[in-house]
Amino acid sequence: MSTPFRTAASKVKTLEALQSVCAEARKAGRKIAFANGCFDLLHVGHTRYLQGARAEGDLLIVGINADASVRRLKGPDRPLQTEQDRALLVAALHVVDHVVIFPEDTVANLLLALKPDVQCKGTDYTAETVPERDVVRSYGGRIAIVGDPKDHDTSALLARLASR
């Protein structure tokens, strides 16, 4: 079955719209996977993380930290790109079904609102170190560690660019 062409912008949704998407997916028996991050400078590690997350479900939702959240987490010089630009870049990847921008520093509230079957985190975590593990377990979800070893990160790329 072919999927109709969707623009990246059409994949960026509000939380309320995604709650409806999740309800319909559950009715259809689809498994929902969830991944999140800042995605400030898209790189191969992000691609592998999202590919691994997609393999965990029939539908992949990606949470993108809002600009103010990125500043709090990464420092005053970040993000390099606006939340809307970062959301469109991630949404343009074929493995991503939907993107939502969230203002908090953690995805706990988003997880409680969407209740994905699987929360996917990168290999810099273990199932026991994922900050939201208790939230996911509270509604019967599971944690999956996906992607390749954390040999790529935006801060290291920026440091390399600055040294040139």
N, C-alpha and C. Protein backbone atom coordinates (compact mmCIF):
# COMPACT_ATOMS: atom_id res chain seq x y z
N MET A 1 0.84 -1.18 0.00
CA MET A 1 0.00 0.00 0.00
C MET A 1 0.89 1.24 0.00
N SER A 2 0.67 2.13 -0.92
CA SER A 2 1.50 3.33 -0.97
C SER A 2 0.92 4.39 -0.05
N THR A 3 1.81 5.18 0.50
CA THR A 3 1.40 6.26 1.39
C THR A 3 1.32 7.54 0.58
N PRO A 4 0.26 8.30 0.72
CA PRO A 4 0.19 9.56 -0.02
C PRO A 4 1.29 10.51 0.44
N PHE A 5 1.77 11.31 -0.48
CA PHE A 5 2.83 12.27 -0.16
C PHE A 5 2.32 13.26 0.88
N ARG A 6 3.12 13.47 1.91
CA ARG A 6 2.79 14.46 2.93
C ARG A 6 3.96 15.41 3.05
N THR A 7 3.67 16.68 3.16
CA THR A 7 4.74 17.64 3.38
C THR A 7 5.23 17.53 4.81
N ALA A 8 6.45 17.97 5.03
CA ALA A 8 6.99 17.96 6.39
C ALA A 8 6.11 18.79 7.31
N ALA A 9 5.64 19.93 6.82
CA ALA A 9 4.82 20.81 7.67
C ALA A 9 3.55 20.11 8.13
N SER A 10 2.99 19.24 7.30
CA SER A 10 1.75 18.55 7.69
C SER A 10 1.98 17.52 8.78
N LYS A 11 3.23 17.15 9.02
CA LYS A 11 3.54 16.19 10.08
C LYS A 11 3.72 16.85 11.44
N VAL A 12 3.90 18.17 11.47
CA VAL A 12 4.07 18.89 12.74
C VAL A 12 2.68 19.18 13.30
N LYS A 13 2.43 18.64 14.49
CA LYS A 13 1.09 18.69 15.06
C LYS A 13 1.09 19.32 16.45
N THR A 14 -0.08 19.74 16.88
CA THR A 14 -0.27 20.16 18.26
C THR A 14 -0.44 18.92 19.12
N LEU A 15 -0.31 19.08 20.40
CA LEU A 15 -0.52 17.97 21.33
C LEU A 15 -1.96 17.45 21.20
N GLU A 16 -2.91 18.35 21.10
CA GLU A 16 -4.31 17.94 21.00
C GLU A 16 -4.54 17.11 19.74
N ALA A 17 -3.99 17.52 18.62
CA ALA A 17 -4.14 16.77 17.37
C ALA A 17 -3.49 15.39 17.50
N LEU A 18 -2.35 15.33 18.18
CA LEU A 18 -1.67 14.05 18.34
C LEU A 18 -2.43 13.11 19.28
N GLN A 19 -3.13 13.65 20.23
CA GLN A 19 -3.95 12.79 21.09
C GLN A 19 -5.02 12.07 20.25
N SER A 20 -5.59 12.76 19.29
CA SER A 20 -6.56 12.14 18.37
C SER A 20 -5.89 11.11 17.48
N VAL A 21 -4.70 11.44 16.97
CA VAL A 21 -3.94 10.50 16.13
C VAL A 21 -3.66 9.22 16.92
N CYS A 22 -3.25 9.36 18.16
CA CYS A 22 -2.94 8.19 19.00
C CYS A 22 -4.19 7.36 19.27
N ALA A 23 -5.30 8.01 19.52
CA ALA A 23 -6.55 7.28 19.77
C ALA A 23 -6.93 6.46 18.54
N GLU A 24 -6.82 7.05 17.36
CA GLU A 24 -7.14 6.33 16.12
C GLU A 24 -6.16 5.18 15.88
N ALA A 25 -4.88 5.43 16.15
CA ALA A 25 -3.87 4.38 15.97
C ALA A 25 -4.15 3.20 16.89
N ARG A 26 -4.50 3.48 18.13
CA ARG A 26 -4.82 2.40 19.08
C ARG A 26 -6.03 1.59 18.62
N LYS A 27 -7.06 2.29 18.14
CA LYS A 27 -8.25 1.60 17.63
C LYS A 27 -7.89 0.66 16.49
N ALA A 28 -6.92 1.07 15.68
CA ALA A 28 -6.49 0.26 14.53
C ALA A 28 -5.48 -0.81 14.92
N GLY A 29 -5.12 -0.88 16.20
CA GLY A 29 -4.18 -1.88 16.67
C GLY A 29 -2.73 -1.57 16.34
N ARG A 30 -2.42 -0.31 16.09
CA ARG A 30 -1.05 0.10 15.76
C ARG A 30 -0.27 0.41 17.04
N LYS A 31 1.01 0.05 17.02
CA LYS A 31 1.89 0.31 18.15
C LYS A 31 2.56 1.67 17.94
N ILE A 32 2.52 2.50 18.99
CA ILE A 32 3.05 3.87 18.92
C ILE A 32 4.41 3.93 19.59
N ALA A 33 5.40 4.39 18.84
CA ALA A 33 6.74 4.62 19.37
C ALA A 33 6.94 6.12 19.50
N PHE A 34 7.74 6.51 20.49
CA PHE A 34 7.99 7.92 20.76
C PHE A 34 9.48 8.12 20.98
N ALA A 35 10.03 9.17 20.35
CA ALA A 35 11.43 9.57 20.55
C ALA A 35 11.43 11.08 20.79
N ASN A 36 12.49 11.58 21.37
CA ASN A 36 12.55 13.03 21.60
C ASN A 36 13.98 13.52 21.63
N GLY A 37 14.11 14.84 21.50
CA GLY A 37 15.42 15.47 21.58
C GLY A 37 15.38 16.90 21.11
N CYS A 38 16.55 17.54 21.14
CA CYS A 38 16.68 18.92 20.68
C CYS A 38 16.83 18.98 19.16
N PHE A 39 17.59 18.05 18.60
CA PHE A 39 17.82 17.97 17.15
C PHE A 39 18.27 19.32 16.60
N ASP A 40 19.23 19.93 17.29
CA ASP A 40 19.68 21.27 16.94
C ASP A 40 20.48 21.31 15.65
N LEU A 41 21.32 20.33 15.45
CA LEU A 41 22.11 20.21 14.23
C LEU A 41 22.00 18.75 13.82
N LEU A 42 21.10 18.47 12.90
CA LEU A 42 20.81 17.09 12.52
C LEU A 42 22.06 16.38 12.02
N HIS A 43 22.34 15.19 12.57
CA HIS A 43 23.53 14.43 12.18
C HIS A 43 23.21 12.94 12.13
N VAL A 44 24.18 12.14 11.73
CA VAL A 44 23.96 10.71 11.51
C VAL A 44 23.50 9.99 12.77
N GLY A 45 23.93 10.41 13.92
CA GLY A 45 23.48 9.80 15.17
C GLY A 45 21.97 9.98 15.35
N HIS A 46 21.46 11.16 15.00
CA HIS A 46 20.03 11.39 15.06
C HIS A 46 19.29 10.45 14.10
N THR A 47 19.82 10.33 12.90
CA THR A 47 19.19 9.48 11.89
C THR A 47 19.11 8.04 12.37
N ARG A 48 20.20 7.53 12.91
CA ARG A 48 20.21 6.15 13.40
C ARG A 48 19.29 5.96 14.61
N TYR A 49 19.24 6.96 15.47
CA TYR A 49 18.34 6.93 16.62
C TYR A 49 16.89 6.85 16.15
N LEU A 50 16.52 7.70 15.20
CA LEU A 50 15.15 7.72 14.73
C LEU A 50 14.80 6.47 13.92
N GLN A 51 15.75 5.94 13.19
CA GLN A 51 15.50 4.67 12.48
C GLN A 51 15.25 3.54 13.49
N GLY A 52 16.04 3.52 14.54
CA GLY A 52 15.85 2.51 15.59
C GLY A 52 14.52 2.68 16.29
N ALA A 53 14.13 3.92 16.52
CA ALA A 53 12.85 4.19 17.18
C ALA A 53 11.70 3.75 16.28
N ARG A 54 11.80 4.02 15.01
CA ARG A 54 10.74 3.64 14.07
C ARG A 54 10.54 2.12 14.04
N ALA A 55 11.64 1.39 14.18
CA ALA A 55 11.56 -0.08 14.17
C ALA A 55 10.80 -0.62 15.37
N GLU A 56 10.61 0.19 16.40
CA GLU A 56 9.91 -0.24 17.62
C GLU A 56 8.40 -0.11 17.53
N GLY A 57 7.90 0.54 16.49
CA GLY A 57 6.46 0.75 16.40
C GLY A 57 5.97 0.88 14.98
N ASP A 58 4.65 0.97 14.86
CA ASP A 58 4.01 1.17 13.57
C ASP A 58 3.89 2.64 13.23
N LEU A 59 4.03 3.48 14.25
CA LEU A 59 3.87 4.91 14.13
C LEU A 59 4.94 5.55 15.00
N LEU A 60 5.68 6.51 14.46
CA LEU A 60 6.73 7.19 15.24
C LEU A 60 6.37 8.66 15.41
N ILE A 61 6.26 9.05 16.68
CA ILE A 61 6.06 10.44 17.06
C ILE A 61 7.36 10.94 17.67
N VAL A 62 7.80 12.13 17.26
CA VAL A 62 9.03 12.70 17.79
C VAL A 62 8.72 14.02 18.47
N GLY A 63 9.15 14.14 19.73
CA GLY A 63 9.03 15.38 20.49
C GLY A 63 10.29 16.20 20.31
N ILE A 64 10.11 17.47 20.00
CA ILE A 64 11.23 18.41 19.81
C ILE A 64 11.18 19.44 20.93
N ASN A 65 12.30 19.61 21.64
CA ASN A 65 12.36 20.64 22.69
C ASN A 65 12.17 22.03 22.08
N ALA A 66 11.32 22.83 22.71
CA ALA A 66 11.14 24.21 22.31
C ALA A 66 12.43 24.99 22.53
N ASP A 67 12.53 26.14 21.89
CA ASP A 67 13.75 26.94 21.97
C ASP A 67 14.17 27.27 23.40
N ALA A 68 13.22 27.70 24.23
CA ALA A 68 13.56 28.06 25.61
C ALA A 68 14.08 26.84 26.38
N SER A 69 13.53 25.69 26.11
CA SER A 69 13.99 24.45 26.76
C SER A 69 15.42 24.13 26.33
N VAL A 70 15.71 24.27 25.05
CA VAL A 70 17.07 24.00 24.55
C VAL A 70 18.06 24.94 25.23
N ARG A 71 17.70 26.22 25.38
CA ARG A 71 18.59 27.17 26.06
C ARG A 71 18.86 26.74 27.49
N ARG A 72 17.82 26.29 28.17
CA ARG A 72 18.00 25.84 29.56
C ARG A 72 18.89 24.60 29.63
N LEU A 73 18.73 23.70 28.68
CA LEU A 73 19.48 22.43 28.71
C LEU A 73 20.89 22.54 28.14
N LYS A 74 21.07 23.37 27.11
CA LYS A 74 22.34 23.40 26.36
C LYS A 74 23.12 24.69 26.51
N GLY A 75 22.50 25.74 27.02
CA GLY A 75 23.21 27.00 27.21
C GLY A 75 22.66 28.12 26.36
N PRO A 76 23.11 29.35 26.65
CA PRO A 76 22.52 30.54 26.02
C PRO A 76 22.78 30.68 24.51
N ASP A 77 23.78 29.99 24.00
CA ASP A 77 24.07 30.09 22.57
C ASP A 77 23.29 29.09 21.72
N ARG A 78 22.45 28.32 22.34
CA ARG A 78 21.67 27.31 21.64
C ARG A 78 20.20 27.63 21.81
N PRO A 79 19.36 27.24 20.92
CA PRO A 79 19.62 26.43 19.74
C PRO A 79 20.19 27.25 18.59
N LEU A 80 20.76 26.55 17.64
CA LEU A 80 21.27 27.19 16.44
C LEU A 80 20.15 27.48 15.45
N GLN A 81 19.12 26.65 15.50
CA GLN A 81 17.98 26.79 14.60
C GLN A 81 16.71 26.90 15.44
N THR A 82 15.71 27.55 14.89
CA THR A 82 14.46 27.72 15.62
C THR A 82 13.75 26.38 15.79
N GLU A 83 12.84 26.33 16.75
CA GLU A 83 12.07 25.12 16.99
C GLU A 83 11.27 24.71 15.76
N GLN A 84 10.74 25.68 15.04
CA GLN A 84 9.97 25.36 13.83
C GLN A 84 10.87 24.76 12.75
N ASP A 85 12.07 25.30 12.58
CA ASP A 85 13.01 24.75 11.59
C ASP A 85 13.46 23.35 11.98
N ARG A 86 13.76 23.16 13.26
CA ARG A 86 14.17 21.83 13.72
C ARG A 86 13.04 20.82 13.55
N ALA A 87 11.82 21.24 13.85
CA ALA A 87 10.67 20.35 13.68
C ALA A 87 10.48 19.97 12.21
N LEU A 88 10.63 20.91 11.31
CA LEU A 88 10.48 20.61 9.88
C LEU A 88 11.57 19.68 9.38
N LEU A 89 12.79 19.87 9.84
CA LEU A 89 13.88 18.98 9.43
C LEU A 89 13.62 17.54 9.86
N VAL A 90 13.21 17.36 11.11
CA VAL A 90 12.93 16.02 11.60
C VAL A 90 11.70 15.44 10.90
N ALA A 91 10.68 16.25 10.69
CA ALA A 91 9.47 15.79 10.02
C ALA A 91 9.74 15.37 8.57
N ALA A 92 10.76 15.92 7.96
CA ALA A 92 11.08 15.59 6.57
C ALA A 92 11.66 14.18 6.43
N LEU A 93 12.09 13.59 7.53
CA LEU A 93 12.64 12.23 7.47
C LEU A 93 11.50 11.23 7.28
N HIS A 94 11.67 10.30 6.36
CA HIS A 94 10.58 9.38 6.03
C HIS A 94 10.20 8.45 7.19
N VAL A 95 11.10 8.21 8.13
CA VAL A 95 10.78 7.31 9.25
C VAL A 95 9.90 7.97 10.30
N VAL A 96 9.75 9.28 10.23
CA VAL A 96 8.99 10.05 11.22
C VAL A 96 7.57 10.27 10.71
N ASP A 97 6.59 9.90 11.54
CA ASP A 97 5.18 10.10 11.16
C ASP A 97 4.64 11.44 11.64
N HIS A 98 5.00 11.84 12.86
CA HIS A 98 4.49 13.09 13.43
C HIS A 98 5.54 13.70 14.34
N VAL A 99 5.48 15.04 14.45
CA VAL A 99 6.38 15.79 15.31
C VAL A 99 5.55 16.74 16.16
N VAL A 100 5.96 16.90 17.41
CA VAL A 100 5.32 17.86 18.30
C VAL A 100 6.42 18.62 19.04
N ILE A 101 6.24 19.91 19.21
CA ILE A 101 7.19 20.75 19.96
C ILE A 101 6.66 20.85 21.39
N PHE A 102 7.55 20.64 22.36
CA PHE A 102 7.11 20.71 23.76
C PHE A 102 7.99 21.69 24.54
N PRO A 103 7.39 22.44 25.49
CA PRO A 103 8.10 23.51 26.19
C PRO A 103 8.91 23.06 27.41
N GLU A 104 8.58 21.91 27.98
CA GLU A 104 9.24 21.48 29.22
C GLU A 104 10.63 20.93 28.93
N ASP A 105 11.41 20.75 29.98
CA ASP A 105 12.76 20.19 29.84
C ASP A 105 12.75 18.67 29.77
N THR A 106 11.66 18.04 30.21
CA THR A 106 11.52 16.58 30.07
C THR A 106 10.21 16.31 29.34
N VAL A 107 10.08 15.08 28.87
CA VAL A 107 8.88 14.71 28.11
C VAL A 107 7.82 14.03 28.99
N ALA A 108 7.94 14.12 30.29
CA ALA A 108 7.01 13.44 31.19
C ALA A 108 5.56 13.81 30.89
N ASN A 109 5.24 15.10 30.78
CA ASN A 109 3.86 15.52 30.51
C ASN A 109 3.38 15.04 29.15
N LEU A 110 4.25 15.08 28.17
CA LEU A 110 3.92 14.61 26.82
C LEU A 110 3.63 13.12 26.82
N LEU A 111 4.44 12.36 27.53
CA LEU A 111 4.23 10.92 27.63
C LEU A 111 2.89 10.61 28.30
N LEU A 112 2.57 11.33 29.36
CA LEU A 112 1.29 11.11 30.04
C LEU A 112 0.10 11.47 29.14
N ALA A 113 0.27 12.47 28.30
CA ALA A 113 -0.82 12.89 27.42
C ALA A 113 -1.00 11.93 26.25
N LEU A 114 0.11 11.38 25.72
CA LEU A 114 0.03 10.53 24.52
C LEU A 114 0.05 9.04 24.84
N LYS A 115 0.68 8.67 25.93
CA LYS A 115 0.82 7.26 26.35
C LYS A 115 1.29 6.34 25.22
N PRO A 116 2.46 6.65 24.63
CA PRO A 116 2.97 5.76 23.59
C PRO A 116 3.30 4.38 24.17
N ASP A 117 3.22 3.37 23.33
CA ASP A 117 3.55 2.01 23.77
C ASP A 117 5.02 1.89 24.15
N VAL A 118 5.87 2.62 23.42
CA VAL A 118 7.32 2.51 23.61
C VAL A 118 7.94 3.91 23.63
N GLN A 119 8.70 4.21 24.68
CA GLN A 119 9.52 5.42 24.68
C GLN A 119 10.92 4.99 24.28
N CYS A 120 11.43 5.57 23.22
CA CYS A 120 12.75 5.22 22.70
C CYS A 120 13.77 6.27 23.11
N LYS A 121 14.88 5.81 23.65
CA LYS A 121 15.97 6.71 24.05
C LYS A 121 17.25 6.20 23.42
N GLY A 122 18.22 7.10 23.30
CA GLY A 122 19.50 6.76 22.69
C GLY A 122 20.39 5.93 23.60
N THR A 123 21.49 5.48 23.03
CA THR A 123 22.38 4.55 23.74
C THR A 123 23.20 5.21 24.85
N ASP A 124 23.03 6.51 25.05
CA ASP A 124 23.66 7.14 26.20
C ASP A 124 22.83 6.90 27.47
N TYR A 125 21.72 6.19 27.33
CA TYR A 125 20.87 5.79 28.45
C TYR A 125 20.84 4.28 28.58
N THR A 126 20.37 3.83 29.73
CA THR A 126 19.94 2.43 29.91
C THR A 126 18.48 2.53 30.33
N ALA A 127 17.78 1.41 30.32
CA ALA A 127 16.37 1.43 30.72
C ALA A 127 16.21 1.99 32.13
N GLU A 128 17.22 1.81 32.98
CA GLU A 128 17.13 2.29 34.37
C GLU A 128 17.55 3.75 34.54
N THR A 129 18.20 4.35 33.55
CA THR A 129 18.62 5.76 33.69
C THR A 129 17.74 6.73 32.91
N VAL A 130 16.76 6.23 32.18
CA VAL A 130 15.84 7.12 31.44
C VAL A 130 15.06 7.93 32.47
N PRO A 131 15.13 9.26 32.41
CA PRO A 131 14.48 10.09 33.44
C PRO A 131 12.98 9.83 33.60
N GLU A 132 12.30 9.51 32.51
CA GLU A 132 10.85 9.34 32.57
C GLU A 132 10.41 7.88 32.71
N ARG A 133 11.31 7.00 33.11
CA ARG A 133 11.00 5.56 33.15
C ARG A 133 9.79 5.25 34.02
N ASP A 134 9.67 5.92 35.17
CA ASP A 134 8.53 5.65 36.06
C ASP A 134 7.22 6.13 35.44
N VAL A 135 7.27 7.22 34.70
CA VAL A 135 6.07 7.72 34.01
C VAL A 135 5.61 6.69 32.98
N VAL A 136 6.55 6.19 32.18
CA VAL A 136 6.23 5.21 31.13
C VAL A 136 5.66 3.94 31.77
N ARG A 137 6.28 3.49 32.81
CA ARG A 137 5.81 2.28 33.48
C ARG A 137 4.44 2.49 34.12
N SER A 138 4.13 3.71 34.55
CA SER A 138 2.85 3.99 35.23
C SER A 138 1.64 3.72 34.34
N TYR A 139 1.80 3.86 33.04
CA TYR A 139 0.66 3.59 32.15
C TYR A 139 0.85 2.30 31.34
N GLY A 140 1.86 1.51 31.69
CA GLY A 140 2.05 0.21 31.04
C GLY A 140 2.91 0.22 29.80
N GLY A 141 3.62 1.32 29.57
CA GLY A 141 4.51 1.40 28.41
C GLY A 141 5.85 0.74 28.71
N ARG A 142 6.69 0.70 27.71
CA ARG A 142 8.04 0.15 27.91
C ARG A 142 9.08 1.11 27.33
N ILE A 143 10.31 0.92 27.77
CA ILE A 143 11.46 1.70 27.31
C ILE A 143 12.26 0.85 26.33
N ALA A 144 12.72 1.46 25.24
CA ALA A 144 13.62 0.79 24.30
C ALA A 144 14.83 1.69 24.10
N ILE A 145 16.02 1.11 24.20
CA ILE A 145 17.26 1.84 23.92
C ILE A 145 17.62 1.52 22.47
N VAL A 146 17.72 2.56 21.65
CA VAL A 146 17.89 2.37 20.21
C VAL A 146 19.00 3.27 19.66
N GLY A 147 19.44 2.94 18.45
CA GLY A 147 20.45 3.74 17.77
C GLY A 147 21.82 3.14 17.91
N ASP A 148 22.79 3.86 17.41
CA ASP A 148 24.17 3.38 17.49
C ASP A 148 24.86 3.98 18.70
N PRO A 149 26.07 3.53 19.01
CA PRO A 149 26.79 4.12 20.15
C PRO A 149 26.88 5.64 20.01
N LYS A 150 26.83 6.33 21.12
CA LYS A 150 26.81 7.79 21.12
C LYS A 150 28.19 8.34 20.77
N ASP A 151 28.56 8.16 19.48
CA ASP A 151 29.83 8.69 18.98
C ASP A 151 29.64 10.02 18.26
N HIS A 152 28.39 10.46 18.16
CA HIS A 152 28.07 11.68 17.44
C HIS A 152 27.25 12.56 18.37
N ASP A 153 27.59 13.82 18.45
CA ASP A 153 26.70 14.74 19.14
C ASP A 153 26.94 16.14 18.63
N THR A 154 25.92 16.96 18.76
CA THR A 154 25.95 18.31 18.22
C THR A 154 27.05 19.13 18.87
N SER A 155 27.24 19.01 20.18
CA SER A 155 28.28 19.81 20.86
C SER A 155 29.66 19.49 20.30
N ALA A 156 29.95 18.22 20.04
CA ALA A 156 31.25 17.85 19.47
C ALA A 156 31.40 18.39 18.05
N LEU A 157 30.32 18.33 17.28
CA LEU A 157 30.39 18.88 15.92
C LEU A 157 30.64 20.38 15.95
N LEU A 158 29.97 21.07 16.85
CA LEU A 158 30.17 22.53 16.96
C LEU A 158 31.60 22.85 17.39
N ALA A 159 32.16 22.07 18.31
CA ALA A 159 33.54 22.27 18.74
C ALA A 159 34.50 22.06 17.56
N ARG A 160 34.26 21.06 16.76
CA ARG A 160 35.10 20.81 15.57
C ARG A 160 35.01 21.97 14.59
N LEU A 161 33.80 22.46 14.37
CA LEU A 161 33.63 23.58 13.45
C LEU A 161 34.32 24.84 13.98
N ALA A 162 34.24 25.07 15.26
CA ALA A 162 34.86 26.26 15.87
C ALA A 162 36.38 26.20 15.80
N SER A 163 36.96 25.01 15.79
CA SER A 163 38.43 24.89 15.79
C SER A 163 39.02 25.02 14.39
N ARG A 164 38.19 25.12 13.40
CA ARG A 164 38.70 25.21 12.02
C ARG A 164 38.98 26.62 11.60
